[in-house]
Amino acid sequence: MTSFRPTKIEQFAFEAKLNRFFGEHVYDQVFLGFEIVEVVDDELRAWSPSEHCAAVIDLNYSKKVAWIAQTLFNRPVRQVRVLARGMSHNAREQPV
């Protein structure tokens, strides 16, 4: 299992690419506060400020988010999993 956590600069670069690719309207409504937690193997794990935004990203934008991450980090990203901020990506470690 290969794990990768982006630096703050890489996170800012990712946010800038999201803003440029989707436009300011979509970015401000959906991606504001989006944060990459880590990339494990070929899965990008991220937090979103709300469950609604996480669901919208999962349903409508996950393929494009994966492509942007893949080009930025130079590593394969085939799946994007977005949860509300503070939730654990490991199902056994969900907060109570």
PDB file of N, CA and C in Angstrom:
ATOM      1  N   MET A   1       0.849  -1.179   0.000  1.00  0.00           N
ATOM      2  CA  MET A   1       0.000   0.000   0.000  1.00  0.00           C
ATOM      3  C   MET A   1       0.892   1.239   0.000  1.00  0.00           C
ATOM      4  N   THR A   2       0.735   2.058  -1.005  1.00  0.00           N
ATOM      5  CA  THR A   2       1.483   3.295  -1.134  1.00  0.00           C
ATOM      6  C   THR A   2       0.604   4.456  -0.691  1.00  0.00           C
ATOM      7  N   SER A   3       1.120   5.268   0.228  1.00  0.00           N
ATOM      8  CA  SER A   3       0.355   6.398   0.743  1.00  0.00           C
ATOM      9  C   SER A   3       1.109   7.695   0.477  1.00  0.00           C
ATOM     10  N   PHE A   4       0.361   8.736   0.163  1.00  0.00           N
ATOM     11  CA  PHE A   4       0.949  10.027  -0.173  1.00  0.00           C
ATOM     12  C   PHE A   4       0.067  11.125   0.399  1.00  0.00           C
ATOM     13  N   ARG A   5       0.662  12.056   1.127  1.00  0.00           N
ATOM     14  CA  ARG A   5      -0.070  13.229   1.636  1.00  0.00           C
ATOM     15  C   ARG A   5       0.506  14.478   0.979  1.00  0.00           C
ATOM     16  N   PRO A   6      -0.347  15.269   0.345  1.00  0.00           N
ATOM     17  CA  PRO A   6       0.169  16.469  -0.325  1.00  0.00           C
ATOM     18  C   PRO A   6       0.619  17.532   0.686  1.00  0.00           C
ATOM     19  N   THR A   7       1.611  18.302   0.272  1.00  0.00           N
ATOM     20  CA  THR A   7       2.068  19.427   1.083  1.00  0.00           C
ATOM     21  C   THR A   7       1.049  20.560   0.967  1.00  0.00           C
ATOM     22  N   LYS A   8       1.226  21.596   1.768  1.00  0.00           N
ATOM     23  CA  LYS A   8       0.313  22.747   1.687  1.00  0.00           C
ATOM     24  C   LYS A   8       0.377  23.397   0.311  1.00  0.00           C
ATOM     25  N   ILE A   9       1.565  23.479  -0.251  1.00  0.00           N
ATOM     26  CA  ILE A   9       1.721  24.082  -1.577  1.00  0.00           C
ATOM     27  C   ILE A   9       1.005  23.244  -2.630  1.00  0.00           C
ATOM     28  N   GLU A  10       1.119  21.926  -2.530  1.00  0.00           N
ATOM     29  CA  GLU A  10       0.418  21.060  -3.474  1.00  0.00           C
ATOM     30  C   GLU A  10      -1.099  21.179  -3.302  1.00  0.00           C
ATOM     31  N   GLN A  11      -1.556  21.329  -2.060  1.00  0.00           N
ATOM     32  CA  GLN A  11      -2.979  21.520  -1.806  1.00  0.00           C
ATOM     33  C   GLN A  11      -3.466  22.831  -2.445  1.00  0.00           C
ATOM     34  N   PHE A  12      -2.692  23.898  -2.285  1.00  0.00           N
ATOM     35  CA  PHE A  12      -3.059  25.186  -2.894  1.00  0.00           C
ATOM     36  C   PHE A  12      -3.065  25.087  -4.420  1.00  0.00           C
ATOM     37  N   ALA A  13      -2.086  24.377  -4.977  1.00  0.00           N
ATOM     38  CA  ALA A  13      -2.036  24.188  -6.427  1.00  0.00           C
ATOM     39  C   ALA A  13      -3.251  23.403  -6.916  1.00  0.00           C
ATOM     40  N   PHE A  14      -3.648  22.399  -6.146  1.00  0.00           N
ATOM     41  CA  PHE A  14      -4.826  21.601  -6.496  1.00  0.00           C
ATOM     42  C   PHE A  14      -6.083  22.465  -6.472  1.00  0.00           C
ATOM     43  N   GLU A  15      -6.229  23.287  -5.434  1.00  0.00           N
ATOM     44  CA  GLU A  15      -7.375  24.188  -5.338  1.00  0.00           C
ATOM     45  C   GLU A  15      -7.409  25.162  -6.508  1.00  0.00           C
ATOM     46  N   ALA A  16      -6.250  25.680  -6.888  1.00  0.00           N
ATOM     47  CA  ALA A  16      -6.190  26.610  -8.020  1.00  0.00           C
ATOM     48  C   ALA A  16      -6.615  25.918  -9.310  1.00  0.00           C
ATOM     49  N   LYS A  17      -6.197  24.674  -9.494  1.00  0.00           N
ATOM     50  CA  LYS A  17      -6.587  23.937 -10.700  1.00  0.00           C
ATOM     51  C   LYS A  17      -8.098  23.646 -10.706  1.00  0.00           C
ATOM     52  N   LEU A  18      -8.640  23.304  -9.544  1.00  0.00           N
ATOM     53  CA  LEU A  18     -10.094  23.092  -9.458  1.00  0.00           C
ATOM     54  C   LEU A  18     -10.834  24.369  -9.834  1.00  0.00           C
ATOM     55  N   ASN A  19     -10.392  25.494  -9.297  1.00  0.00           N
ATOM     56  CA  ASN A  19     -11.023  26.783  -9.567  1.00  0.00           C
ATOM     57  C   ASN A  19     -10.954  27.120 -11.049  1.00  0.00           C
ATOM     58  N   ARG A  20      -9.808  26.898 -11.636  1.00  0.00           N
ATOM     59  CA  ARG A  20      -9.640  27.224 -13.051  1.00  0.00           C
ATOM     60  C   ARG A  20     -10.447  26.278 -13.943  1.00  0.00           C
ATOM     61  N   PHE A  21     -10.463  24.995 -13.608  1.00  0.00           N
ATOM     62  CA  PHE A  21     -11.126  23.992 -14.438  1.00  0.00           C
ATOM     63  C   PHE A  21     -12.648  24.114 -14.367  1.00  0.00           C
ATOM     64  N   PHE A  22     -13.207  24.243 -13.157  1.00  0.00           N
ATOM     65  CA  PHE A  22     -14.656  24.262 -12.980  1.00  0.00           C
ATOM     66  C   PHE A  22     -15.243  25.665 -12.997  1.00  0.00           C
ATOM     67  N   GLY A  23     -14.424  26.681 -12.828  1.00  0.00           N
ATOM     68  CA  GLY A  23     -14.925  28.051 -12.798  1.00  0.00           C
ATOM     69  C   GLY A  23     -15.262  28.480 -11.384  1.00  0.00           C
ATOM     70  N   GLU A  24     -15.292  29.779 -11.186  1.00  0.00           N
ATOM     71  CA  GLU A  24     -15.464  30.307  -9.831  1.00  0.00           C
ATOM     72  C   GLU A  24     -16.823  29.987  -9.228  1.00  0.00           C
ATOM     73  N   HIS A  25     -17.865  29.926 -10.044  1.00  0.00           N
ATOM     74  CA  HIS A  25     -19.204  29.669  -9.511  1.00  0.00           C
ATOM     75  C   HIS A  25     -19.294  28.258  -8.906  1.00  0.00           C
ATOM     76  N   VAL A  26     -18.890  27.250  -9.669  1.00  0.00           N
ATOM     77  CA  VAL A  26     -18.926  25.866  -9.177  1.00  0.00           C
ATOM     78  C   VAL A  26     -17.937  25.694  -8.039  1.00  0.00           C
ATOM     79  N   TYR A  27     -16.748  26.260  -8.184  1.00  0.00           N
ATOM     80  CA  TYR A  27     -15.737  26.131  -7.118  1.00  0.00           C
ATOM     81  C   TYR A  27     -16.265  26.694  -5.801  1.00  0.00           C
ATOM     82  N   ASP A  28     -16.840  27.890  -5.840  1.00  0.00           N
ATOM     83  CA  ASP A  28     -17.330  28.526  -4.613  1.00  0.00           C
ATOM     84  C   ASP A  28     -18.508  27.773  -3.995  1.00  0.00           C
ATOM     85  N   GLN A  29     -19.343  27.151  -4.820  1.00  0.00           N
ATOM     86  CA  GLN A  29     -20.503  26.440  -4.295  1.00  0.00           C
ATOM     87  C   GLN A  29     -20.165  25.039  -3.800  1.00  0.00           C
ATOM     88  N   VAL A  30     -19.222  24.357  -4.460  1.00  0.00           N
ATOM     89  CA  VAL A  30     -18.994  22.945  -4.168  1.00  0.00           C
ATOM     90  C   VAL A  30     -17.636  22.666  -3.537  1.00  0.00           C
ATOM     91  N   PHE A  31     -16.588  23.314  -4.026  1.00  0.00           N
ATOM     92  CA  PHE A  31     -15.229  22.928  -3.651  1.00  0.00           C
ATOM     93  C   PHE A  31     -14.586  23.811  -2.576  1.00  0.00           C
ATOM     94  N   LEU A  32     -15.232  24.876  -2.162  1.00  0.00           N
ATOM     95  CA  LEU A  32     -14.653  25.739  -1.141  1.00  0.00           C
ATOM     96  C   LEU A  32     -14.496  24.940   0.154  1.00  0.00           C
ATOM     97  N   GLY A  33     -13.291  24.808   0.646  1.00  0.00           N
ATOM     98  CA  GLY A  33     -13.027  24.015   1.848  1.00  0.00           C
ATOM     99  C   GLY A  33     -12.666  22.565   1.558  1.00  0.00           C
ATOM    100  N   PHE A  34     -12.629  22.174   0.295  1.00  0.00           N
ATOM    101  CA  PHE A  34     -12.240  20.815  -0.105  1.00  0.00           C
ATOM    102  C   PHE A  34     -10.772  20.603   0.249  1.00  0.00           C
ATOM    103  N   GLU A  35     -10.463  19.507   0.895  1.00  0.00           N
ATOM    104  CA  GLU A  35      -9.077  19.242   1.317  1.00  0.00           C
ATOM    105  C   GLU A  35      -8.715  17.790   1.064  1.00  0.00           C
ATOM    106  N   ILE A  36      -7.585  17.573   0.414  1.00  0.00           N
ATOM    107  CA  ILE A  36      -7.097  16.219   0.196  1.00  0.00           C
ATOM    108  C   ILE A  36      -6.477  15.722   1.496  1.00  0.00           C
ATOM    109  N   VAL A  37      -6.927  14.569   1.956  1.00  0.00           N
ATOM    110  CA  VAL A  37      -6.359  13.961   3.145  1.00  0.00           C
ATOM    111  C   VAL A  37      -5.135  13.149   2.759  1.00  0.00           C
ATOM    112  N   GLU A  38      -5.285  12.284   1.758  1.00  0.00           N
ATOM    113  CA  GLU A  38      -4.177  11.459   1.287  1.00  0.00           C
ATOM    114  C   GLU A  38      -4.568  10.776  -0.011  1.00  0.00           C
ATOM    115  N   VAL A  39      -3.554  10.226  -0.673  1.00  0.00           N
ATOM    116  CA  VAL A  39      -3.762   9.372  -1.829  1.00  0.00           C
ATOM    117  C   VAL A  39      -3.183   8.022  -1.439  1.00  0.00           C
ATOM    118  N   VAL A  40      -4.030   6.993  -1.409  1.00  0.00           N
ATOM    119  CA  VAL A  40      -3.604   5.641  -1.052  1.00  0.00           C
ATOM    120  C   VAL A  40      -3.784   4.765  -2.276  1.00  0.00           C
ATOM    121  N   ASP A  41      -2.671   4.171  -2.716  1.00  0.00           N
ATOM    122  CA  ASP A  41      -2.639   3.411  -3.966  1.00  0.00           C
ATOM    123  C   ASP A  41      -3.195   4.293  -5.075  1.00  0.00           C
ATOM    124  N   ASP A  42      -4.360   3.995  -5.616  1.00  0.00           N
ATOM    125  CA  ASP A  42      -4.918   4.834  -6.690  1.00  0.00           C
ATOM    126  C   ASP A  42      -6.211   5.525  -6.252  1.00  0.00           C
ATOM    127  N   GLU A  43      -6.400   5.681  -4.942  1.00  0.00           N
ATOM    128  CA  GLU A  43      -7.610   6.308  -4.404  1.00  0.00           C
ATOM    129  C   GLU A  43      -7.277   7.623  -3.703  1.00  0.00           C
ATOM    130  N   LEU A  44      -7.922   8.697  -4.141  1.00  0.00           N
ATOM    131  CA  LEU A  44      -7.772   9.988  -3.486  1.00  0.00           C
ATOM    132  C   LEU A  44      -8.832  10.075  -2.391  1.00  0.00           C
ATOM    133  N   ARG A  45      -8.401  10.365  -1.174  1.00  0.00           N
ATOM    134  CA  ARG A  45      -9.318  10.514  -0.044  1.00  0.00           C
ATOM    135  C   ARG A  45      -9.325  11.971   0.359  1.00  0.00           C
ATOM    136  N   ALA A  46     -10.511  12.536   0.468  1.00  0.00           N
ATOM    137  CA  ALA A  46     -10.610  13.971   0.731  1.00  0.00           C
ATOM    138  C   ALA A  46     -11.751  14.280   1.686  1.00  0.00           C
ATOM    139  N   TRP A  47     -11.682  15.492   2.235  1.00  0.00           N
ATOM    140  CA  TRP A  47     -12.736  16.019   3.087  1.00  0.00           C
ATOM    141  C   TRP A  47     -13.398  17.184   2.392  1.00  0.00           C
ATOM    142  N   SER A  48     -14.680  17.310   2.643  1.00  0.00           N
ATOM    143  CA  SER A  48     -15.457  18.433   2.159  1.00  0.00           C
ATOM    144  C   SER A  48     -16.147  19.061   3.372  1.00  0.00           C
ATOM    145  N   PRO A  49     -16.476  20.343   3.321  1.00  0.00           N
ATOM    146  CA  PRO A  49     -17.061  20.983   4.501  1.00  0.00           C
ATOM    147  C   PRO A  49     -18.447  20.473   4.879  1.00  0.00           C
ATOM    148  N   SER A  50     -19.164  19.834   3.963  1.00  0.00           N
ATOM    149  CA  SER A  50     -20.505  19.337   4.287  1.00  0.00           C
ATOM    150  C   SER A  50     -20.770  18.025   3.562  1.00  0.00           C
ATOM    151  N   GLU A  51     -21.748  17.292   4.067  1.00  0.00           N
ATOM    152  CA  GLU A  51     -22.141  16.045   3.416  1.00  0.00           C
ATOM    153  C   GLU A  51     -22.729  16.314   2.041  1.00  0.00           C
ATOM    154  N   HIS A  52     -23.449  17.424   1.916  1.00  0.00           N
ATOM    155  CA  HIS A  52     -24.036  17.774   0.623  1.00  0.00           C
ATOM    156  C   HIS A  52     -22.946  17.982  -0.437  1.00  0.00           C
ATOM    157  N   CYS A  53     -21.941  18.778  -0.107  1.00  0.00           N
ATOM    158  CA  CYS A  53     -20.849  19.027  -1.061  1.00  0.00           C
ATOM    159  C   CYS A  53     -20.107  17.726  -1.380  1.00  0.00           C
ATOM    160  N   ALA A  54     -19.899  16.890  -0.374  1.00  0.00           N
ATOM    161  CA  ALA A  54     -19.223  15.607  -0.597  1.00  0.00           C
ATOM    162  C   ALA A  54     -20.017  14.746  -1.583  1.00  0.00           C
ATOM    163  N   ALA A  55     -21.338  14.719  -1.420  1.00  0.00           N
ATOM    164  CA  ALA A  55     -22.179  13.929  -2.313  1.00  0.00           C
ATOM    165  C   ALA A  55     -22.172  14.491  -3.736  1.00  0.00           C
ATOM    166  N   VAL A  56     -22.232  15.805  -3.859  1.00  0.00           N
ATOM    167  CA  VAL A  56     -22.212  16.435  -5.190  1.00  0.00           C
ATOM    168  C   VAL A  56     -20.888  16.134  -5.889  1.00  0.00           C
ATOM    169  N   ILE A  57     -19.780  16.237  -5.166  1.00  0.00           N
ATOM    170  CA  ILE A  57     -18.472  15.935  -5.757  1.00  0.00           C
ATOM    171  C   ILE A  57     -18.418  14.479  -6.178  1.00  0.00           C
ATOM    172  N   ASP A  58     -18.855  13.572  -5.291  1.00  0.00           N
ATOM    173  CA  ASP A  58     -18.857  12.144  -5.616  1.00  0.00           C
ATOM    174  C   ASP A  58     -19.669  11.844  -6.865  1.00  0.00           C
ATOM    175  N   LEU A  59     -20.853  12.405  -6.961  1.00  0.00           N
ATOM    176  CA  LEU A  59     -21.753  12.082  -8.068  1.00  0.00           C
ATOM    177  C   LEU A  59     -21.409  12.782  -9.377  1.00  0.00           C
ATOM    178  N   ASN A  60     -20.973  14.047  -9.301  1.00  0.00           N
ATOM    179  CA  ASN A  60     -20.832  14.846 -10.522  1.00  0.00           C
ATOM    180  C   ASN A  60     -19.402  15.149 -10.960  1.00  0.00           C
ATOM    181  N   TYR A  61     -18.473  15.181 -10.025  1.00  0.00           N
ATOM    182  CA  TYR A  61     -17.151  15.704 -10.368  1.00  0.00           C
ATOM    183  C   TYR A  61     -15.989  14.763 -10.076  1.00  0.00           C
ATOM    184  N   SER A  62     -16.237  13.560  -9.581  1.00  0.00           N
ATOM    185  CA  SER A  62     -15.143  12.708  -9.112  1.00  0.00           C
ATOM    186  C   SER A  62     -14.165  12.312 -10.224  1.00  0.00           C
ATOM    187  N   LYS A  63     -14.654  12.044 -11.423  1.00  0.00           N
ATOM    188  CA  LYS A  63     -13.752  11.652 -12.517  1.00  0.00           C
ATOM    189  C   LYS A  63     -12.821  12.799 -12.903  1.00  0.00           C
ATOM    190  N   LYS A  64     -13.355  14.006 -12.953  1.00  0.00           N
ATOM    191  CA  LYS A  64     -12.519  15.158 -13.311  1.00  0.00           C
ATOM    192  C   LYS A  64     -11.557  15.504 -12.182  1.00  0.00           C
ATOM    193  N   VAL A  65     -11.997  15.343 -10.926  1.00  0.00           N
ATOM    194  CA  VAL A  65     -11.111  15.568  -9.779  1.00  0.00           C
ATOM    195  C   VAL A  65      -9.960  14.565  -9.817  1.00  0.00           C
ATOM    196  N   ALA A  66     -10.253  13.308 -10.139  1.00  0.00           N
ATOM    197  CA  ALA A  66      -9.213  12.281 -10.250  1.00  0.00           C
ATOM    198  C   ALA A  66      -8.214  12.646 -11.345  1.00  0.00           C
ATOM    199  N   TRP A  67      -8.708  13.109 -12.476  1.00  0.00           N
ATOM    200  CA  TRP A  67      -7.819  13.488 -13.573  1.00  0.00           C
ATOM    201  C   TRP A  67      -6.913  14.662 -13.187  1.00  0.00           C
ATOM    202  N   ILE A  68      -7.482  15.664 -12.520  1.00  0.00           N
ATOM    203  CA  ILE A  68      -6.691  16.817 -12.086  1.00  0.00           C
ATOM    204  C   ILE A  68      -5.615  16.376 -11.092  1.00  0.00           C
ATOM    205  N   ALA A  69      -5.989  15.538 -10.133  1.00  0.00           N
ATOM    206  CA  ALA A  69      -5.019  15.049  -9.142  1.00  0.00           C
ATOM    207  C   ALA A  69      -3.926  14.229  -9.808  1.00  0.00           C
ATOM    208  N   GLN A  70      -4.315  13.411 -10.759  1.00  0.00           N
ATOM    209  CA  GLN A  70      -3.341  12.570 -11.455  1.00  0.00           C
ATOM    210  C   GLN A  70      -2.313  13.410 -12.203  1.00  0.00           C
ATOM    211  N   THR A  71      -2.766  14.458 -12.859  1.00  0.00           N
ATOM    212  CA  THR A  71      -1.828  15.308 -13.600  1.00  0.00           C
ATOM    213  C   THR A  71      -0.953  16.135 -12.655  1.00  0.00           C
ATOM    214  N   LEU A  72      -1.492  16.544 -11.519  1.00  0.00           N
ATOM    215  CA  LEU A  72      -0.734  17.372 -10.582  1.00  0.00           C
ATOM    216  C   LEU A  72       0.299  16.564  -9.805  1.00  0.00           C
ATOM    217  N   PHE A  73      -0.089  15.372  -9.340  1.00  0.00           N
ATOM    218  CA  PHE A  73       0.795  14.578  -8.484  1.00  0.00           C
ATOM    219  C   PHE A  73       1.634  13.557  -9.233  1.00  0.00           C
ATOM    220  N   ASN A  74       1.410  13.411 -10.532  1.00  0.00           N
ATOM    221  CA  ASN A  74       2.148  12.443 -11.352  1.00  0.00           C
ATOM    222  C   ASN A  74       2.076  11.034 -10.786  1.00  0.00           C
ATOM    223  N   ARG A  75       0.904  10.637 -10.380  1.00  0.00           N
ATOM    224  CA  ARG A  75       0.662   9.278  -9.900  1.00  0.00           C
ATOM    225  C   ARG A  75      -0.773   8.915 -10.263  1.00  0.00           C
ATOM    226  N   PRO A  76      -1.052   7.629 -10.466  1.00  0.00           N
ATOM    227  CA  PRO A  76      -2.397   7.241 -10.877  1.00  0.00           C
ATOM    228  C   PRO A  76      -3.442   7.497  -9.789  1.00  0.00           C
ATOM    229  N   VAL A  77      -4.540   8.110 -10.177  1.00  0.00           N
ATOM    230  CA  VAL A  77      -5.686   8.316  -9.291  1.00  0.00           C
ATOM    231  C   VAL A  77      -6.909   7.858 -10.075  1.00  0.00           C
ATOM    232  N   ARG A  78      -7.486   6.743  -9.673  1.00  0.00           N
ATOM    233  CA  ARG A  78      -8.609   6.167 -10.395  1.00  0.00           C
ATOM    234  C   ARG A  78      -9.936   6.318  -9.654  1.00  0.00           C
ATOM    235  N   GLN A  79      -9.856   6.608  -8.362  1.00  0.00           N
ATOM    236  CA  GLN A  79     -11.075   6.706  -7.566  1.00  0.00           C
ATOM    237  C   GLN A  79     -10.951   7.882  -6.604  1.00  0.00           C
ATOM    238  N   VAL A  80     -12.060   8.565  -6.377  1.00  0.00           N
ATOM    239  CA  VAL A  80     -12.104   9.683  -5.436  1.00  0.00           C
ATOM    240  C   VAL A  80     -13.175   9.367  -4.396  1.00  0.00           C
ATOM    241  N   ARG A  81     -12.790   9.463  -3.136  1.00  0.00           N
ATOM    242  CA  ARG A  81     -13.746   9.251  -2.041  1.00  0.00           C
ATOM    243  C   ARG A  81     -13.739  10.496  -1.172  1.00  0.00           C
ATOM    244  N   VAL A  82     -14.888  11.143  -1.085  1.00  0.00           N
ATOM    245  CA  VAL A  82     -15.020  12.400  -0.350  1.00  0.00           C
ATOM    246  C   VAL A  82     -16.000  12.198   0.808  1.00  0.00           C
ATOM    247  N   LEU A  83     -15.582  12.590   1.992  1.00  0.00           N
ATOM    248  CA  LEU A  83     -16.432  12.532   3.178  1.00  0.00           C
ATOM    249  C   LEU A  83     -16.550  13.922   3.785  1.00  0.00           C
ATOM    250  N   ALA A  84     -17.544  14.102   4.634  1.00  0.00           N
ATOM    251  CA  ALA A  84     -17.675  15.365   5.355  1.00  0.00           C
ATOM    252  C   ALA A  84     -16.485  15.519   6.290  1.00  0.00           C
ATOM    253  N   ARG A  85     -16.030  16.748   6.465  1.00  0.00           N
ATOM    254  CA  ARG A  85     -14.845  17.032   7.286  1.00  0.00           C
ATOM    255  C   ARG A  85     -14.952  16.364   8.650  1.00  0.00           C
ATOM    256  N   GLY A  86     -13.868  15.707   9.045  1.00  0.00           N
ATOM    257  CA  GLY A  86     -13.796  15.068  10.345  1.00  0.00           C
ATOM    258  C   GLY A  86     -14.145  13.597  10.345  1.00  0.00           C
ATOM    259  N   MET A  87     -14.792  13.119   9.296  1.00  0.00           N
ATOM    260  CA  MET A  87     -15.134  11.695   9.219  1.00  0.00           C
ATOM    261  C   MET A  87     -13.888  10.908   8.841  1.00  0.00           C
ATOM    262  N   SER A  88     -13.851   9.664   9.256  1.00  0.00           N
ATOM    263  CA  SER A  88     -12.705   8.805   8.988  1.00  0.00           C
ATOM    264  C   SER A  88     -12.922   8.019   7.704  1.00  0.00           C
ATOM    265  N   HIS A  89     -11.869   7.878   6.908  1.00  0.00           N
ATOM    266  CA  HIS A  89     -11.947   7.085   5.683  1.00  0.00           C
ATOM    267  C   HIS A  89     -11.810   5.599   5.987  1.00  0.00           C
ATOM    268  N   ASN A  90     -11.399   5.269   7.201  1.00  0.00           N
ATOM    269  CA  ASN A  90     -11.316   3.879   7.625  1.00  0.00           C
ATOM    270  C   ASN A  90     -12.616   3.554   8.342  1.00  0.00           C
ATOM    271  N   ALA A  91     -13.428   2.664   7.802  1.00  0.00           N
ATOM    272  CA  ALA A  91     -14.771   2.388   8.326  1.00  0.00           C
ATOM    273  C   ALA A  91     -14.742   1.928   9.783  1.00  0.00           C
ATOM    274  N   ARG A  92     -13.653   1.327  10.214  1.00  0.00           N
ATOM    275  CA  ARG A  92     -13.571   0.844  11.585  1.00  0.00           C
ATOM    276  C   ARG A  92     -13.272   1.966  12.572  1.00  0.00           C
ATOM    277  N   GLU A  93     -12.934   3.143  12.103  1.00  0.00           N
ATOM    278  CA  GLU A  93     -12.552   4.248  12.976  1.00  0.00           C
ATOM    279  C   GLU A  93     -13.520   5.421  12.901  1.00  0.00           C
ATOM    280  N   GLN A  94     -14.799   5.161  12.622  1.00  0.00           N
ATOM    281  CA  GLN A  94     -15.767   6.247  12.542  1.00  0.00           C
ATOM    282  C   GLN A  94     -15.950   6.906  13.911  1.00  0.00           C
ATOM    283  N   PRO A  95     -16.011   8.225  13.966  1.00  0.00           N
ATOM    284  CA  PRO A  95     -16.247   8.891  15.248  1.00  0.00           C
ATOM    285  C   PRO A  95     -17.641   8.568  15.776  1.00  0.00           C
ATOM    286  N   VAL A  96     -17.782   8.622  17.070  1.00  0.00           N
ATOM    287  CA  VAL A  96     -19.058   8.288  17.705  1.00  0.00           C
ATOM    288  C   VAL A  96     -19.918   9.523  17.814  1.00  0.00           C
TER     289      VAL A  96
END
